[in-house]
Amino acid sequence: NRLNLAVTMNEVFSYESLVHAVSGAVGSVTAMTVFFPLDTARLRLQVDENRKAKSTPAILAEIVKEEGLLAPYRGWFPVICSLCCSNFVYFYCFHCLKASWLKGKQSAPSTDLIIGIAAGVVNVLVTTPLWVVNTRLKLQGSKFHNEDIRPTNYSGILDAFVQIIRDEGVAALWNGTFPSLLLVLNPAIQFMIYEGLKRQLRRGIPRELSSLEVFVIGAIAKAIATTVTYPLQTIQSILRFGQYNNTSTEKSKLLSSLRTIKCLLVNRVRKYGMLGLFKGLEAKLLQTVLTAALMFLLYEKIASSTFRVMGLRGY
C-alpha cells in the first residue's frame, strides 16, 4: 500500500506534469496576447444584445472609433492572469490524471475525453472567480448599445473581488459555474481530437510533430469544440457579467441554474432566432482557433525542448 501511494504521489507531483503545465500556461498567455482584440470583439457581441452582428474587423473598427485605439486590449492583464492560472491547472491535472490512469499504456479517445472532463471540472471550480472578475474588468468602461447594462467601477483585480463580495456576496464569484461545468466538454473534446490526431499522424512511431502539423491539428480540434459548445459559452459570458436578473424561485441551486440557462437560451432564440445563439461565433472562431493553434504549437515546442534539456521522456 505504501509503495502504491508513493507511486501515485510521484505521478501527481512529477516534473513531467509541471513541465506540461508551465508550457501550456506560457503558450496560452503568448497566443492570447497576440489575438486578444478578437476576443474583445467576441465578448461585446455576446453581452451587448443591441450591438448589431457585423464582421470582426467592422466590430473592432467601431470599438476603436467609439472608445480609442487601446480599447481592444482593455482588460488584458486580468484575462492573462486568469488564463495563466486556468491553463496551468488544466494541463497539470490532465497530465497527472493521464499518467496515473494509463501507467505507460497507449491512450484512447474515450480515455482522453474522460480525463479531459475531470481536469476541466477541477479547473472550473478553482478558477471561476478569476474569470468572473476578468469579464467585469474587460467590459468596464465599454460603450454599450444596450441601455439596461449598469456601469461598474473597479480599480483593479483585488478591488473587483472586494466589491463583488461586498455588494453581491461570495457566491457571485462563482456566477456561471454551472454552464462552465457543462463547458468542460469544450477543452475535453479539444484534447480528445488533438491527442487522437496526434496519434494518427505518428502511426505508432514516437516522433516530434512538425510545427505545421501541430498548428493544423490544434486549429481543427478547437474549431470543432468551439462550434459545438458556443451557445453555452454565450450564456456563460452573460452570467459572468452579472447583469442578468434571476427571478427563479427554485430552492435547489441546480434547478435554479438549469432554469436560468433555459430562460436565457429561449429568450435569445425568441429575439434573434436560432442564429442568435451563435452571435459572435465568427469572432470567437477566428480568435479561439488561431489562439489554440498557436498555443499548442508553443506548448509542444517548449515542452519538448525542456524535456530534452532535462533528459526526460515526456512523449
C-alpha atoms as a PDB file:
ATOM      1  CA  ASN A   1       0.000   0.000   0.000  1.00  0.00           C
ATOM      2  CA  ARG A   2       2.803   2.392   0.892  1.00  0.00           C
ATOM      3  CA  LEU A   3       4.561   1.552  -2.370  1.00  0.00           C
ATOM      4  CA  ASN A   4       1.357   2.200  -4.382  1.00  0.00           C
ATOM      5  CA  LEU A   5       0.823   5.503  -2.528  1.00  0.00           C
ATOM      6  CA  ALA A   6       4.426   6.532  -3.235  1.00  0.00           C
ATOM      7  CA  VAL A   7       3.997   5.703  -6.941  1.00  0.00           C
ATOM      8  CA  THR A   8       0.719   7.659  -7.116  1.00  0.00           C
ATOM      9  CA  MET A   9       2.253  10.661  -5.308  1.00  0.00           C
ATOM     10  CA  ASN A  10       5.211  10.524  -7.702  1.00  0.00           C
ATOM     11  CA  GLU A  11       2.808  10.636 -10.679  1.00  0.00           C
ATOM     12  CA  VAL A  12       0.831  13.560  -9.198  1.00  0.00           C
ATOM     13  CA  PHE A  13       3.877  15.615  -8.184  1.00  0.00           C
ATOM     14  CA  SER A  14       6.122  14.901 -11.157  1.00  0.00           C
ATOM     15  CA  TYR A  15       8.490  17.086 -13.173  1.00  0.00           C
ATOM     16  CA  GLU A  16       6.752  15.892 -16.345  1.00  0.00           C
ATOM     17  CA  SER A  17       3.346  17.251 -15.247  1.00  0.00           C
ATOM     18  CA  LEU A  18       4.965  20.506 -14.110  1.00  0.00           C
ATOM     19  CA  VAL A  19       6.705  20.935 -17.489  1.00  0.00           C
ATOM     20  CA  HIS A  20       3.397  20.330 -19.327  1.00  0.00           C
ATOM     21  CA  ALA A  21       1.600  22.806 -17.031  1.00  0.00           C
ATOM     22  CA  VAL A  22       4.185  25.594 -17.390  1.00  0.00           C
ATOM     23  CA  SER A  23       4.458  25.027 -21.172  1.00  0.00           C
ATOM     24  CA  GLY A  24       0.660  25.166 -21.538  1.00  0.00           C
ATOM     25  CA  ALA A  25       0.406  28.328 -19.422  1.00  0.00           C
ATOM     26  CA  VAL A  26       3.213  30.152 -21.301  1.00  0.00           C
ATOM     27  CA  GLY A  27       1.884  29.051 -24.693  1.00  0.00           C
ATOM     28  CA  SER A  28      -1.675  30.165 -23.924  1.00  0.00           C
ATOM     29  CA  VAL A  29      -0.633  33.553 -22.499  1.00  0.00           C
ATOM     30  CA  THR A  30       1.527  34.325 -25.552  1.00  0.00           C
ATOM     31  CA  ALA A  31      -1.149  33.188 -28.010  1.00  0.00           C
ATOM     32  CA  MET A  32      -3.949  35.096 -26.249  1.00  0.00           C
ATOM     33  CA  THR A  33      -1.862  38.297 -26.206  1.00  0.00           C
ATOM     34  CA  VAL A  34      -1.372  38.077 -29.971  1.00  0.00           C
ATOM     35  CA  PHE A  35      -5.079  37.548 -30.726  1.00  0.00           C
ATOM     36  CA  PHE A  36      -6.625  39.457 -27.786  1.00  0.00           C
ATOM     37  CA  PRO A  37      -8.575  42.059 -29.858  1.00  0.00           C
ATOM     38  CA  LEU A  38     -10.532  39.217 -31.489  1.00  0.00           C
ATOM     39  CA  ASP A  39     -11.684  38.084 -28.028  1.00  0.00           C
ATOM     40  CA  THR A  40     -12.799  41.654 -27.257  1.00  0.00           C
ATOM     41  CA  ALA A  41     -15.000  41.668 -30.380  1.00  0.00           C
ATOM     42  CA  ARG A  42     -16.487  38.280 -29.454  1.00  0.00           C
ATOM     43  CA  LEU A  43     -17.327  39.291 -25.864  1.00  0.00           C
ATOM     44  CA  ARG A  44     -19.040  42.534 -26.940  1.00  0.00           C
ATOM     45  CA  LEU A  45     -21.264  40.654 -29.383  1.00  0.00           C
ATOM     46  CA  GLN A  46     -22.205  38.133 -26.695  1.00  0.00           C
ATOM     47  CA  VAL A  47     -23.196  40.505 -23.869  1.00  0.00           C
ATOM     48  CA  ASP A  48     -24.321  43.660 -25.726  1.00  0.00           C
ATOM     49  CA  GLU A  49     -27.559  42.439 -27.308  1.00  0.00           C
ATOM     50  CA  ASN A  50     -28.275  45.737 -29.097  1.00  0.00           C
ATOM     51  CA  ARG A  51     -24.951  45.726 -30.936  1.00  0.00           C
ATOM     52  CA  LYS A  52     -25.531  44.551 -34.494  1.00  0.00           C
ATOM     53  CA  ALA A  53     -23.650  41.447 -35.586  1.00  0.00           C
ATOM     54  CA  LYS A  54     -21.039  42.542 -38.119  1.00  0.00           C
ATOM     55  CA  SER A  55     -17.761  41.162 -39.365  1.00  0.00           C
ATOM     56  CA  THR A  56     -14.959  41.078 -36.782  1.00  0.00           C
ATOM     57  CA  PRO A  57     -12.888  43.868 -38.437  1.00  0.00           C
ATOM     58  CA  ALA A  58     -16.023  46.086 -38.534  1.00  0.00           C
ATOM     59  CA  ILE A  59     -16.734  45.492 -34.819  1.00  0.00           C
ATOM     60  CA  LEU A  60     -13.107  46.268 -33.891  1.00  0.00           C
ATOM     61  CA  ALA A  61     -13.137  49.417 -36.044  1.00  0.00           C
ATOM     62  CA  GLU A  62     -16.347  50.503 -34.291  1.00  0.00           C
ATOM     63  CA  ILE A  63     -14.832  49.899 -30.827  1.00  0.00           C
ATOM     64  CA  VAL A  64     -11.659  51.843 -31.716  1.00  0.00           C
ATOM     65  CA  LYS A  65     -13.730  54.730 -33.135  1.00  0.00           C
ATOM     66  CA  GLU A  66     -16.004  54.944 -30.066  1.00  0.00           C
ATOM     67  CA  GLU A  67     -13.508  54.169 -27.294  1.00  0.00           C
ATOM     68  CA  GLY A  68      -9.959  54.764 -28.531  1.00  0.00           C
ATOM     69  CA  LEU A  69      -7.055  52.831 -30.019  1.00  0.00           C
ATOM     70  CA  LEU A  70      -6.251  50.762 -26.909  1.00  0.00           C
ATOM     71  CA  ALA A  71      -9.878  49.706 -26.283  1.00  0.00           C
ATOM     72  CA  PRO A  72      -9.455  46.265 -27.975  1.00  0.00           C
ATOM     73  CA  TYR A  73      -6.819  45.491 -25.297  1.00  0.00           C
ATOM     74  CA  ARG A  74      -8.958  46.638 -22.354  1.00  0.00           C
ATOM     75  CA  GLY A  75      -8.826  44.091 -19.529  1.00  0.00           C
ATOM     76  CA  TRP A  76      -5.749  42.328 -20.959  1.00  0.00           C
ATOM     77  CA  PHE A  77      -3.952  41.903 -17.606  1.00  0.00           C
ATOM     78  CA  PRO A  78      -6.778  40.198 -15.637  1.00  0.00           C
ATOM     79  CA  VAL A  79      -7.540  37.953 -18.627  1.00  0.00           C
ATOM     80  CA  ILE A  80      -3.885  36.911 -18.911  1.00  0.00           C
ATOM     81  CA  CYS A  81      -3.675  36.247 -15.138  1.00  0.00           C
ATOM     82  CA  SER A  82      -6.853  34.126 -15.289  1.00  0.00           C
ATOM     83  CA  LEU A  83      -5.712  32.295 -18.421  1.00  0.00           C
ATOM     84  CA  CYS A  84      -2.269  31.558 -16.991  1.00  0.00           C
ATOM     85  CA  CYS A  85      -3.747  30.071 -13.787  1.00  0.00           C
ATOM     86  CA  SER A  86      -6.502  28.256 -15.675  1.00  0.00           C
ATOM     87  CA  ASN A  87      -4.223  26.582 -18.222  1.00  0.00           C
ATOM     88  CA  PHE A  88      -1.622  25.718 -15.586  1.00  0.00           C
ATOM     89  CA  VAL A  89      -4.323  23.923 -13.532  1.00  0.00           C
ATOM     90  CA  TYR A  90      -5.849  22.229 -16.617  1.00  0.00           C
ATOM     91  CA  PHE A  91      -2.601  20.976 -18.167  1.00  0.00           C
ATOM     92  CA  TYR A  92      -1.273  19.844 -14.771  1.00  0.00           C
ATOM     93  CA  CYS A  93      -4.462  17.925 -13.910  1.00  0.00           C
ATOM     94  CA  PHE A  94      -4.780  16.463 -17.427  1.00  0.00           C
ATOM     95  CA  HIS A  95      -1.242  15.042 -17.493  1.00  0.00           C
ATOM     96  CA  CYS A  96      -1.302  13.925 -13.822  1.00  0.00           C
ATOM     97  CA  LEU A  97      -4.551  12.030 -14.330  1.00  0.00           C
ATOM     98  CA  LYS A  98      -3.306  10.613 -17.630  1.00  0.00           C
ATOM     99  CA  ALA A  99      -0.064   9.342 -16.041  1.00  0.00           C
ATOM    100  CA  SER A 100      -1.962   7.824 -13.072  1.00  0.00           C
ATOM    101  CA  TRP A 101      -4.608   6.188 -15.285  1.00  0.00           C
ATOM    102  CA  LEU A 102      -2.524   4.862 -18.177  1.00  0.00           C
ATOM    103  CA  LYS A 103       0.707   3.933 -16.340  1.00  0.00           C
ATOM    104  CA  GLY A 104       2.667   3.908 -19.604  1.00  0.00           C
ATOM    105  CA  LYS A 105      -0.040   2.264 -21.751  1.00  0.00           C
ATOM    106  CA  GLN A 106      -1.390   3.695 -25.037  1.00  0.00           C
ATOM    107  CA  SER A 107      -4.256   6.148 -24.624  1.00  0.00           C
ATOM    108  CA  ALA A 108      -7.614   6.047 -26.445  1.00  0.00           C
ATOM    109  CA  PRO A 109     -10.075   8.828 -27.450  1.00  0.00           C
ATOM    110  CA  SER A 110     -12.584   7.804 -24.734  1.00  0.00           C
ATOM    111  CA  THR A 111      -9.826   7.909 -22.092  1.00  0.00           C
ATOM    112  CA  ASP A 112      -8.688  11.355 -23.267  1.00  0.00           C
ATOM    113  CA  LEU A 113     -12.304  12.597 -23.096  1.00  0.00           C
ATOM    114  CA  ILE A 114     -12.898  11.319 -19.540  1.00  0.00           C
ATOM    115  CA  ILE A 115      -9.549  12.685 -18.297  1.00  0.00           C
ATOM    116  CA  GLY A 116     -10.244  16.000 -20.053  1.00  0.00           C
ATOM    117  CA  ILE A 117     -13.658  16.299 -18.357  1.00  0.00           C
ATOM    118  CA  ALA A 118     -12.172  15.513 -14.918  1.00  0.00           C
ATOM    119  CA  ALA A 119      -9.364  18.072 -15.397  1.00  0.00           C
ATOM    120  CA  GLY A 120     -11.943  20.604 -16.604  1.00  0.00           C
ATOM    121  CA  VAL A 121     -14.141  20.196 -13.522  1.00  0.00           C
ATOM    122  CA  VAL A 122     -11.170  20.831 -11.194  1.00  0.00           C
ATOM    123  CA  ASN A 123     -10.154  23.823 -13.313  1.00  0.00           C
ATOM    124  CA  VAL A 124     -13.657  25.375 -13.280  1.00  0.00           C
ATOM    125  CA  LEU A 125     -14.119  25.046  -9.511  1.00  0.00           C
ATOM    126  CA  VAL A 126     -10.678  26.548  -8.801  1.00  0.00           C
ATOM    127  CA  THR A 127     -10.530  29.384 -11.353  1.00  0.00           C
ATOM    128  CA  THR A 128     -14.151  30.599 -11.933  1.00  0.00           C
ATOM    129  CA  PRO A 129     -13.753  33.595  -9.518  1.00  0.00           C
ATOM    130  CA  LEU A 130     -10.820  34.834 -11.618  1.00  0.00           C
ATOM    131  CA  TRP A 131     -12.891  34.578 -14.825  1.00  0.00           C
ATOM    132  CA  VAL A 132     -15.865  36.416 -13.257  1.00  0.00           C
ATOM    133  CA  VAL A 133     -13.578  39.300 -12.240  1.00  0.00           C
ATOM    134  CA  ASN A 134     -11.797  39.401 -15.600  1.00  0.00           C
ATOM    135  CA  THR A 135     -15.119  39.507 -17.513  1.00  0.00           C
ATOM    136  CA  ARG A 136     -16.235  42.506 -15.432  1.00  0.00           C
ATOM    137  CA  LEU A 137     -12.904  44.323 -15.852  1.00  0.00           C
ATOM    138  CA  LYS A 138     -12.740  43.581 -19.570  1.00  0.00           C
ATOM    139  CA  LEU A 139     -16.158  45.180 -20.139  1.00  0.00           C
ATOM    140  CA  GLN A 140     -15.713  48.090 -17.701  1.00  0.00           C
ATOM    141  CA  GLY A 141     -15.778  51.472 -19.428  1.00  0.00           C
ATOM    142  CA  SER A 142     -17.173  49.997 -22.655  1.00  0.00           C
ATOM    143  CA  LYS A 143     -19.792  51.954 -24.584  1.00  0.00           C
ATOM    144  CA  PHE A 144     -22.753  49.592 -24.731  1.00  0.00           C
ATOM    145  CA  HIS A 145     -25.658  49.847 -27.155  1.00  0.00           C
ATOM    146  CA  ASN A 146     -27.912  48.226 -24.532  1.00  0.00           C
ATOM    147  CA  GLU A 147     -29.062  50.904 -22.050  1.00  0.00           C
ATOM    148  CA  ASP A 148     -30.090  48.329 -19.417  1.00  0.00           C
ATOM    149  CA  ILE A 149     -26.449  47.469 -18.658  1.00  0.00           C
ATOM    150  CA  ARG A 150     -25.276  49.065 -15.389  1.00  0.00           C
ATOM    151  CA  PRO A 151     -21.779  50.636 -15.322  1.00  0.00           C
ATOM    152  CA  THR A 152     -19.167  49.280 -12.878  1.00  0.00           C
ATOM    153  CA  ASN A 153     -16.213  50.989 -11.238  1.00  0.00           C
ATOM    154  CA  TYR A 154     -13.410  48.626 -10.242  1.00  0.00           C
ATOM    155  CA  SER A 155      -9.857  49.932  -9.787  1.00  0.00           C
ATOM    156  CA  GLY A 156      -8.222  46.529 -10.309  1.00  0.00           C
ATOM    157  CA  ILE A 157      -8.423  42.778  -9.701  1.00  0.00           C
ATOM    158  CA  LEU A 158      -8.401  42.943  -5.866  1.00  0.00           C
ATOM    159  CA  ASP A 159     -10.889  45.834  -5.774  1.00  0.00           C
ATOM    160  CA  ALA A 160     -13.215  43.889  -8.088  1.00  0.00           C
ATOM    161  CA  PHE A 161     -13.064  40.885  -5.726  1.00  0.00           C
ATOM    162  CA  VAL A 162     -13.814  43.112  -2.699  1.00  0.00           C
ATOM    163  CA  GLN A 163     -16.724  44.957  -4.390  1.00  0.00           C
ATOM    164  CA  ILE A 164     -18.335  41.784  -5.767  1.00  0.00           C
ATOM    165  CA  ILE A 165     -18.154  40.041  -2.356  1.00  0.00           C
ATOM    166  CA  ARG A 166     -19.453  43.172  -0.555  1.00  0.00           C
ATOM    167  CA  ASP A 167     -22.296  44.005  -2.952  1.00  0.00           C
ATOM    168  CA  GLU A 168     -23.323  40.598  -4.292  1.00  0.00           C
ATOM    169  CA  GLY A 169     -21.976  38.037  -1.827  1.00  0.00           C
ATOM    170  CA  VAL A 170     -19.221  35.400  -2.119  1.00  0.00           C
ATOM    171  CA  ALA A 171     -21.430  33.157  -4.272  1.00  0.00           C
ATOM    172  CA  ALA A 172     -21.394  35.807  -7.044  1.00  0.00           C
ATOM    173  CA  LEU A 173     -17.720  34.919  -7.677  1.00  0.00           C
ATOM    174  CA  TRP A 174     -18.972  31.574  -8.961  1.00  0.00           C
ATOM    175  CA  ASN A 175     -21.596  33.099 -11.319  1.00  0.00           C
ATOM    176  CA  GLY A 176     -21.837  30.983 -14.449  1.00  0.00           C
ATOM    177  CA  THR A 177     -20.272  27.939 -12.753  1.00  0.00           C
ATOM    178  CA  PHE A 178     -22.980  25.544 -13.957  1.00  0.00           C
ATOM    179  CA  PRO A 179     -22.635  26.413 -17.682  1.00  0.00           C
ATOM    180  CA  SER A 180     -18.863  26.400 -17.097  1.00  0.00           C
ATOM    181  CA  LEU A 181     -19.102  22.843 -15.757  1.00  0.00           C
ATOM    182  CA  LEU A 182     -21.100  21.883 -18.851  1.00  0.00           C
ATOM    183  CA  LEU A 183     -18.439  23.639 -20.921  1.00  0.00           C
ATOM    184  CA  VAL A 184     -15.673  21.363 -19.622  1.00  0.00           C
ATOM    185  CA  LEU A 185     -16.734  19.430 -22.714  1.00  0.00           C
ATOM    186  CA  ASN A 186     -15.028  22.151 -24.792  1.00  0.00           C
ATOM    187  CA  PRO A 187     -11.413  21.501 -23.714  1.00  0.00           C
ATOM    188  CA  ALA A 188     -12.205  17.798 -23.244  1.00  0.00           C
ATOM    189  CA  ILE A 189     -13.404  17.469 -26.873  1.00  0.00           C
ATOM    190  CA  GLN A 190     -10.496  19.651 -27.980  1.00  0.00           C
ATOM    191  CA  PHE A 191      -7.891  17.470 -26.225  1.00  0.00           C
ATOM    192  CA  MET A 192      -9.582  14.243 -27.345  1.00  0.00           C
ATOM    193  CA  ILE A 193      -9.451  15.331 -31.020  1.00  0.00           C
ATOM    194  CA  TYR A 194      -5.951  16.810 -30.662  1.00  0.00           C
ATOM    195  CA  GLU A 195      -4.476  13.710 -28.987  1.00  0.00           C
ATOM    196  CA  GLY A 196      -6.312  11.445 -31.459  1.00  0.00           C
ATOM    197  CA  LEU A 197      -4.993  13.336 -34.496  1.00  0.00           C
ATOM    198  CA  LYS A 198      -1.519  13.309 -32.951  1.00  0.00           C
ATOM    199  CA  ARG A 199      -1.652   9.500 -32.648  1.00  0.00           C
ATOM    200  CA  GLN A 200      -2.890   9.207 -36.254  1.00  0.00           C
ATOM    201  CA  LEU A 201      -0.026  11.349 -37.572  1.00  0.00           C
ATOM    202  CA  ARG A 202       2.568   9.391 -35.621  1.00  0.00           C
ATOM    203  CA  ARG A 203       1.090   5.996 -36.632  1.00  0.00           C
ATOM    204  CA  GLY A 204       2.668   4.300 -33.618  1.00  0.00           C
ATOM    205  CA  ILE A 205       6.144   5.787 -34.202  1.00  0.00           C
ATOM    206  CA  PRO A 206       7.297   8.108 -31.358  1.00  0.00           C
ATOM    207  CA  ARG A 207       8.369  11.286 -33.155  1.00  0.00           C
ATOM    208  CA  GLU A 208       8.119  15.029 -32.697  1.00  0.00           C
ATOM    209  CA  LEU A 209       5.473  16.530 -34.969  1.00  0.00           C
ATOM    210  CA  SER A 210       6.375  19.419 -37.261  1.00  0.00           C
ATOM    211  CA  SER A 211       5.255  22.962 -36.429  1.00  0.00           C
ATOM    212  CA  LEU A 212       2.732  22.922 -39.290  1.00  0.00           C
ATOM    213  CA  GLU A 213       1.228  19.595 -38.159  1.00  0.00           C
ATOM    214  CA  VAL A 214       0.795  20.831 -34.583  1.00  0.00           C
ATOM    215  CA  PHE A 215      -0.702  24.148 -35.738  1.00  0.00           C
ATOM    216  CA  VAL A 216      -3.206  22.471 -38.093  1.00  0.00           C
ATOM    217  CA  ILE A 217      -4.428  19.756 -35.699  1.00  0.00           C
ATOM    218  CA  GLY A 218      -4.650  22.326 -32.870  1.00  0.00           C
ATOM    219  CA  ALA A 219      -6.814  24.537 -35.085  1.00  0.00           C
ATOM    220  CA  ILE A 220      -9.076  21.651 -36.197  1.00  0.00           C
ATOM    221  CA  ALA A 221      -9.580  20.418 -32.618  1.00  0.00           C
ATOM    222  CA  LYS A 222     -10.511  23.857 -31.299  1.00  0.00           C
ATOM    223  CA  ALA A 223     -12.800  24.722 -34.232  1.00  0.00           C
ATOM    224  CA  ILE A 224     -14.932  21.607 -33.642  1.00  0.00           C
ATOM    225  CA  ALA A 225     -15.035  22.019 -29.836  1.00  0.00           C
ATOM    226  CA  THR A 226     -15.961  25.728 -30.060  1.00  0.00           C
ATOM    227  CA  THR A 227     -18.756  25.330 -32.618  1.00  0.00           C
ATOM    228  CA  VAL A 228     -20.383  22.506 -30.637  1.00  0.00           C
ATOM    229  CA  THR A 229     -20.372  24.383 -27.308  1.00  0.00           C
ATOM    230  CA  TYR A 230     -20.779  28.039 -28.430  1.00  0.00           C
ATOM    231  CA  PRO A 231     -24.408  28.680 -27.258  1.00  0.00           C
ATOM    232  CA  LEU A 232     -23.391  27.718 -23.714  1.00  0.00           C
ATOM    233  CA  GLN A 233     -20.332  29.985 -23.936  1.00  0.00           C
ATOM    234  CA  THR A 234     -22.653  32.912 -24.693  1.00  0.00           C
ATOM    235  CA  ILE A 235     -24.787  32.107 -21.612  1.00  0.00           C
ATOM    236  CA  GLN A 236     -21.608  31.775 -19.529  1.00  0.00           C
ATOM    237  CA  SER A 237     -20.437  35.272 -20.584  1.00  0.00           C
ATOM    238  CA  ILE A 238     -23.841  36.833 -19.770  1.00  0.00           C
ATOM    239  CA  LEU A 239     -23.924  35.233 -16.293  1.00  0.00           C
ATOM    240  CA  ARG A 240     -20.318  36.186 -15.502  1.00  0.00           C
ATOM    241  CA  PHE A 241     -21.032  39.789 -16.463  1.00  0.00           C
ATOM    242  CA  GLY A 242     -23.601  39.802 -13.642  1.00  0.00           C
ATOM    243  CA  GLN A 243     -26.278  41.892 -15.383  1.00  0.00           C
ATOM    244  CA  TYR A 244     -28.901  39.137 -15.608  1.00  0.00           C
ATOM    245  CA  ASN A 245     -31.688  39.354 -13.008  1.00  0.00           C
ATOM    246  CA  ASN A 246     -32.504  35.814 -11.921  1.00  0.00           C
ATOM    247  CA  THR A 247     -36.189  35.689 -10.899  1.00  0.00           C
ATOM    248  CA  SER A 248     -36.221  31.928 -10.304  1.00  0.00           C
ATOM    249  CA  THR A 249     -37.906  30.850  -7.031  1.00  0.00           C
ATOM    250  CA  GLU A 250     -36.307  27.397  -7.050  1.00  0.00           C
ATOM    251  CA  LYS A 251     -34.692  26.457  -3.704  1.00  0.00           C
ATOM    252  CA  SER A 252     -32.343  24.000  -5.380  1.00  0.00           C
ATOM    253  CA  LYS A 253     -29.335  25.800  -6.871  1.00  0.00           C
ATOM    254  CA  LEU A 254     -29.011  23.114  -9.554  1.00  0.00           C
ATOM    255  CA  LEU A 255     -32.642  23.528 -10.685  1.00  0.00           C
ATOM    256  CA  SER A 256     -32.296  27.318 -10.499  1.00  0.00           C
ATOM    257  CA  SER A 257     -29.153  27.190 -12.692  1.00  0.00           C
ATOM    258  CA  LEU A 258     -30.870  24.915 -15.219  1.00  0.00           C
ATOM    259  CA  ARG A 259     -33.913  27.211 -15.332  1.00  0.00           C
ATOM    260  CA  THR A 260     -31.674  30.282 -15.817  1.00  0.00           C
ATOM    261  CA  ILE A 261     -29.787  28.640 -18.695  1.00  0.00           C
ATOM    262  CA  LYS A 262     -33.068  27.550 -20.300  1.00  0.00           C
ATOM    263  CA  CYS A 263     -34.572  31.078 -19.953  1.00  0.00           C
ATOM    264  CA  LEU A 264     -31.510  32.761 -21.445  1.00  0.00           C
ATOM    265  CA  LEU A 265     -31.374  30.314 -24.364  1.00  0.00           C
ATOM    266  CA  VAL A 266     -35.136  30.613 -25.057  1.00  0.00           C
ATOM    267  CA  ASN A 267     -35.058  34.448 -24.826  1.00  0.00           C
ATOM    268  CA  ARG A 268     -32.117  34.572 -27.210  1.00  0.00           C
ATOM    269  CA  VAL A 269     -33.918  32.350 -29.747  1.00  0.00           C
ATOM    270  CA  ARG A 270     -37.152  34.368 -29.444  1.00  0.00           C
ATOM    271  CA  LYS A 271     -35.347  37.667 -30.048  1.00  0.00           C
ATOM    272  CA  TYR A 272     -32.905  36.662 -32.764  1.00  0.00           C
ATOM    273  CA  GLY A 273     -33.858  33.159 -33.946  1.00  0.00           C
ATOM    274  CA  MET A 274     -31.582  30.113 -33.767  1.00  0.00           C
ATOM    275  CA  LEU A 275     -28.718  32.114 -35.275  1.00  0.00           C
ATOM    276  CA  GLY A 276     -28.872  34.380 -32.201  1.00  0.00           C
ATOM    277  CA  LEU A 277     -27.311  31.535 -30.209  1.00  0.00           C
ATOM    278  CA  PHE A 278     -24.261  31.812 -32.468  1.00  0.00           C
ATOM    279  CA  LYS A 279     -23.939  35.627 -32.432  1.00  0.00           C
ATOM    280  CA  GLY A 280     -20.219  36.414 -32.322  1.00  0.00           C
ATOM    281  CA  LEU A 281     -19.207  32.905 -33.451  1.00  0.00           C
ATOM    282  CA  GLU A 282     -17.161  34.256 -36.356  1.00  0.00           C
ATOM    283  CA  ALA A 283     -15.094  36.419 -33.993  1.00  0.00           C
ATOM    284  CA  LYS A 284     -14.847  33.572 -31.474  1.00  0.00           C
ATOM    285  CA  LEU A 285     -13.742  31.018 -34.087  1.00  0.00           C
ATOM    286  CA  LEU A 286     -11.203  33.407 -35.565  1.00  0.00           C
ATOM    287  CA  GLN A 287      -9.799  34.183 -32.127  1.00  0.00           C
ATOM    288  CA  THR A 288     -10.046  30.795 -30.454  1.00  0.00           C
ATOM    289  CA  VAL A 289      -8.853  28.676 -33.398  1.00  0.00           C
ATOM    290  CA  LEU A 290      -5.805  30.855 -34.070  1.00  0.00           C
ATOM    291  CA  THR A 291      -5.073  31.189 -30.338  1.00  0.00           C
ATOM    292  CA  ALA A 292      -5.412  27.426 -29.704  1.00  0.00           C
ATOM    293  CA  ALA A 293      -3.297  26.534 -32.739  1.00  0.00           C
ATOM    294  CA  LEU A 294      -0.507  28.918 -31.682  1.00  0.00           C
ATOM    295  CA  MET A 295      -0.853  27.811 -28.041  1.00  0.00           C
ATOM    296  CA  PHE A 296      -0.466  24.104 -28.927  1.00  0.00           C
ATOM    297  CA  LEU A 297       2.486  24.917 -31.183  1.00  0.00           C
ATOM    298  CA  LEU A 298       4.285  26.861 -28.419  1.00  0.00           C
ATOM    299  CA  TYR A 299       3.286  24.286 -25.790  1.00  0.00           C
ATOM    300  CA  GLU A 300       4.708  21.361 -27.801  1.00  0.00           C
ATOM    301  CA  LYS A 301       7.941  23.219 -28.616  1.00  0.00           C
ATOM    302  CA  ILE A 302       8.520  24.481 -25.048  1.00  0.00           C
ATOM    303  CA  ALA A 303       7.696  21.072 -23.521  1.00  0.00           C
ATOM    304  CA  SER A 304       9.874  19.066 -25.953  1.00  0.00           C
ATOM    305  CA  SER A 305      12.819  21.489 -25.535  1.00  0.00           C
ATOM    306  CA  THR A 306      12.524  21.355 -21.732  1.00  0.00           C
ATOM    307  CA  PHE A 307      12.312  17.543 -21.691  1.00  0.00           C
ATOM    308  CA  ARG A 308      15.360  17.396 -23.948  1.00  0.00           C
ATOM    309  CA  VAL A 309      17.364  19.679 -21.632  1.00  0.00           C
ATOM    310  CA  MET A 310      16.253  17.748 -18.528  1.00  0.00           C
ATOM    311  CA  GLY A 311      16.906  14.391 -20.164  1.00  0.00           C
ATOM    312  CA  LEU A 312      13.303  13.276 -19.560  1.00  0.00           C
ATOM    313  CA  ARG A 313      10.977  11.400 -21.878  1.00  0.00           C
ATOM    314  CA  GLY A 314       7.753  13.401 -21.979  1.00  0.00           C
ATOM    315  CA  TYR A 315       6.102  11.882 -25.075  1.00  0.00           C
END
